[in-house]
Amino acid sequence: MSSSSNNNNFNQKIPDDFGNTPARYITFANNKFTGLIPRSIGNASSTLTEILFLNNFLFGCLPIEIGSLKELTVFDVGHNLLTGLLPCSLGNLSLSDNYFTKIGPNCRDLISTGKIDLRNNCIRNLPDQRPRSDCLAFFLKPKFICPNMVLYENNTCDDGQLQSTHMRSRKPNIPKVTYSALVKHR
């Protein structure tokens, strides 16, 4: 089963219950979808193999539940307004043309091996990024707050400098999520 809604100029949020789909392939590319990628995406762990969200207006952080998608082989969110921290176990993804700001050494290794495409973002000291003026203009707008940031505490590529002392001192009892089910984009 597949769900293809690409090239339709849809201008709405992705429904919160989006992850309750039995679909194997979901293509929402080249529309005007806005808002966050719903956390319910993790509910499709046994069926979903391909997700294309590229060329929309999605914003906020990637939901950590992406890691529970055991069958996922393609995940493309290029050309959106995504920002925030990246889970370091992500691999073989196109995250280009967004507004991600920081990565740590683990992600740099994935970039050098071609597993993550982070071109045209706002990551300092990384080649092929947006002009500084574009990044400044974006971040002067109202902030896109990433919900459930505590879930990212132990799962980010961040080197820890962005976490507050309060965040570092709290250790929630949340099971670790891995992204080992992802394979190279074909």
Protein backbone atom coordinates (compact mmCIF):
# COMPACT_ATOMS: atom_id res chain seq x y z
CA MET A 1 0.00 0.00 0.00
CA SER A 2 1.23 3.50 -0.74
CA SER A 3 0.09 7.03 -0.15
CA SER A 4 1.15 9.58 -2.73
CA SER A 5 0.14 13.20 -2.33
CA ASN A 6 3.00 14.87 -4.13
CA ASN A 7 2.77 17.93 -6.38
CA ASN A 8 -0.68 19.00 -5.16
CA ASN A 9 0.01 22.33 -3.41
CA PHE A 10 -1.58 21.00 -0.20
CA ASN A 11 -1.29 23.74 2.42
CA GLN A 12 -1.95 22.18 5.82
CA LYS A 13 -0.35 20.36 8.74
CA ILE A 14 0.35 16.66 8.55
CA PRO A 15 -2.33 15.04 10.76
CA ASP A 16 -1.23 14.02 14.27
CA ASP A 17 -2.38 10.44 13.65
CA PHE A 18 -0.33 10.23 10.45
CA GLY A 19 1.74 7.35 11.84
CA ASN A 20 -1.27 5.07 12.12
CA THR A 21 -1.08 4.32 8.41
CA PRO A 22 -0.56 0.79 7.05
CA ALA A 23 1.26 2.28 4.03
CA ARG A 24 4.73 1.14 3.03
CA TYR A 25 5.52 4.22 0.90
CA ILE A 26 4.50 7.79 1.69
CA THR A 27 5.25 10.63 -0.70
CA PHE A 28 4.24 14.12 0.43
CA ALA A 29 6.88 15.85 -1.69
CA ASN A 30 6.50 19.18 -3.48
CA ASN A 31 3.54 20.56 -1.53
CA LYS A 32 3.14 23.28 1.09
CA PHE A 33 2.77 21.13 4.20
CA THR A 34 3.58 23.05 7.39
CA GLY A 35 4.19 22.28 11.04
CA LEU A 36 5.98 19.47 12.79
CA ILE A 37 6.48 15.93 11.58
CA PRO A 38 4.13 14.08 13.97
CA ARG A 39 5.63 11.86 16.64
CA SER A 40 3.06 9.22 15.72
CA ILE A 41 5.34 8.37 12.79
CA GLY A 42 6.90 5.79 15.12
CA ASN A 43 3.63 3.81 15.06
CA ALA A 44 4.39 2.70 11.49
CA SER A 45 7.50 0.80 12.57
CA SER A 46 6.56 -2.52 10.99
CA THR A 47 5.34 -1.25 7.61
CA LEU A 48 6.84 2.06 6.50
CA THR A 49 9.85 1.70 4.16
CA GLU A 50 9.97 5.05 2.33
CA ILE A 51 9.07 8.61 3.35
CA LEU A 52 9.50 11.64 1.09
CA PHE A 53 8.72 14.99 2.75
CA LEU A 54 11.02 17.07 0.56
CA ASN A 55 10.11 20.52 -0.75
CA ASN A 56 7.53 21.58 1.85
CA PHE A 57 7.46 24.06 4.73
CA LEU A 58 7.86 21.63 7.63
CA PHE A 59 9.61 23.10 10.67
CA GLY A 60 10.85 22.13 14.10
CA CYS A 61 12.93 19.11 15.04
CA LEU A 62 12.92 15.64 13.57
CA PRO A 63 10.94 13.39 15.92
CA ILE A 64 13.15 10.91 17.71
CA GLU A 65 10.53 8.25 16.92
CA ILE A 66 12.03 7.98 13.44
CA GLY A 67 14.42 5.53 15.08
CA SER A 68 11.65 3.00 15.64
CA LEU A 69 10.97 2.64 11.91
CA LYS A 70 12.60 -0.76 11.49
CA GLU A 71 11.76 -1.15 7.79
CA LEU A 72 12.67 2.40 6.71
CA THR A 73 15.16 2.61 3.85
CA VAL A 74 14.46 6.10 2.41
CA PHE A 75 13.82 9.25 4.46
CA ASP A 76 14.14 12.56 2.60
CA VAL A 77 13.23 15.85 4.29
CA GLY A 78 15.35 18.12 2.12
CA HIS A 79 14.18 21.67 1.33
CA ASN A 80 12.12 22.39 4.46
CA LEU A 81 12.54 24.67 7.50
CA LEU A 82 13.76 22.03 9.93
CA THR A 83 16.08 23.03 12.73
CA GLY A 84 17.35 21.84 16.08
CA LEU A 85 19.55 18.99 17.14
CA LEU A 86 20.16 15.85 15.12
CA PRO A 87 20.10 12.37 16.62
CA CYS A 88 23.65 11.11 16.00
CA SER A 89 22.54 7.65 14.99
CA LEU A 90 20.77 8.97 11.92
CA GLY A 91 22.38 7.74 8.75
CA ASN A 92 21.86 7.73 5.00
CA LEU A 93 19.59 10.75 5.02
CA SER A 94 19.10 13.87 2.99
CA LEU A 95 18.73 16.77 5.42
CA SER A 96 19.88 19.40 2.94
CA ASP A 97 18.34 22.84 2.52
CA ASN A 98 17.04 23.26 6.07
CA TYR A 99 18.29 25.32 9.02
CA PHE A 100 20.13 22.81 11.21
CA THR A 101 22.74 24.61 13.27
CA LYS A 102 25.07 22.25 15.03
CA ILE A 103 26.53 18.79 14.80
CA GLY A 104 29.11 16.90 16.78
CA PRO A 105 31.99 14.62 15.82
CA ASN A 106 29.79 11.56 15.23
CA CYS A 107 27.76 13.36 12.57
CA ARG A 108 30.89 14.76 10.95
CA ASP A 109 32.06 11.18 10.44
CA LEU A 110 28.72 10.32 8.80
CA ILE A 111 29.03 13.34 6.49
CA SER A 112 32.55 12.40 5.43
CA THR A 113 31.38 8.87 4.57
CA GLY A 114 28.39 10.20 2.59
CA LYS A 115 25.69 8.90 4.96
CA ILE A 116 24.20 12.31 5.79
CA ASP A 117 23.68 15.14 3.31
CA LEU A 118 23.66 18.41 5.26
CA ARG A 119 24.40 20.84 2.43
CA ASN A 120 22.80 24.28 2.56
CA ASN A 121 22.07 24.46 6.30
CA CYS A 122 23.50 26.82 8.95
CA ILE A 123 26.26 24.66 10.42
CA ARG A 124 29.43 26.64 11.11
CA ASN A 125 32.73 25.27 9.85
CA LEU A 126 31.04 22.88 7.45
CA PRO A 127 31.40 23.42 3.68
CA ASP A 128 28.48 24.12 1.34
CA GLN A 129 26.29 25.93 3.89
CA ARG A 130 23.83 28.81 3.50
CA PRO A 131 25.21 32.34 3.54
CA ARG A 132 25.50 33.68 7.08
CA SER A 133 23.00 36.44 6.24
CA ASP A 134 20.33 33.85 5.31
CA CYS A 135 20.85 32.03 8.60
CA LEU A 136 20.70 35.24 10.63
CA ALA A 137 17.50 36.32 8.90
CA PHE A 138 15.88 32.96 9.60
CA PHE A 139 16.81 32.93 13.28
CA LEU A 140 15.62 36.51 13.83
CA LYS A 141 12.10 35.27 13.08
CA PRO A 142 10.04 33.73 15.91
CA LYS A 143 11.77 30.59 17.15
CA PHE A 144 10.59 27.15 16.22
CA ILE A 145 10.66 25.33 19.53
CA CYS A 146 11.41 21.63 19.44
CA PRO A 147 8.95 19.79 21.68
CA ASN A 148 10.19 17.03 23.98
CA MET A 149 13.81 18.20 23.87
CA VAL A 150 14.56 15.98 26.86
CA LEU A 151 14.27 12.97 24.52
CA TYR A 152 17.30 14.23 22.60
CA GLU A 153 19.50 14.53 25.66
CA ASN A 154 21.36 11.25 25.11
CA ASN A 155 20.73 10.87 21.39
CA THR A 156 22.14 13.92 19.65
CA CYS A 157 25.14 14.63 17.51
CA ASP A 158 25.59 17.74 19.59
CA ASP A 159 28.82 17.82 21.57
CA GLY A 160 26.90 18.84 24.69
CA GLN A 161 27.59 22.56 24.64
CA LEU A 162 23.98 23.47 23.87
CA GLN A 163 22.56 21.54 26.79
CA SER A 164 21.93 23.60 29.87
CA THR A 165 23.26 22.55 33.26
CA HIS A 166 19.67 21.75 34.21
CA MET A 167 19.29 19.45 31.20
CA ARG A 168 22.60 17.70 31.92
CA SER A 169 21.76 17.10 35.57
CA ARG A 170 18.41 15.45 34.77
CA LYS A 171 18.56 11.92 33.44
CA PRO A 172 15.09 10.78 32.39
CA ASN A 173 14.31 7.08 32.42
CA ILE A 174 13.76 6.84 28.66
CA PRO A 175 14.92 3.85 26.64
CA LYS A 176 17.57 4.62 24.04
CA VAL A 177 16.37 4.74 20.45
CA THR A 178 18.58 3.56 17.62
CA TYR A 179 18.46 4.29 13.94
CA SER A 180 20.21 1.13 12.79
CA ALA A 181 17.30 0.18 10.51
CA LEU A 182 18.19 2.92 8.04
CA VAL A 183 20.17 1.95 4.96
CA LYS A 184 21.76 3.91 2.14
CA HIS A 185 19.39 5.99 -0.01
CA ARG A 186 19.11 4.43 -3.45
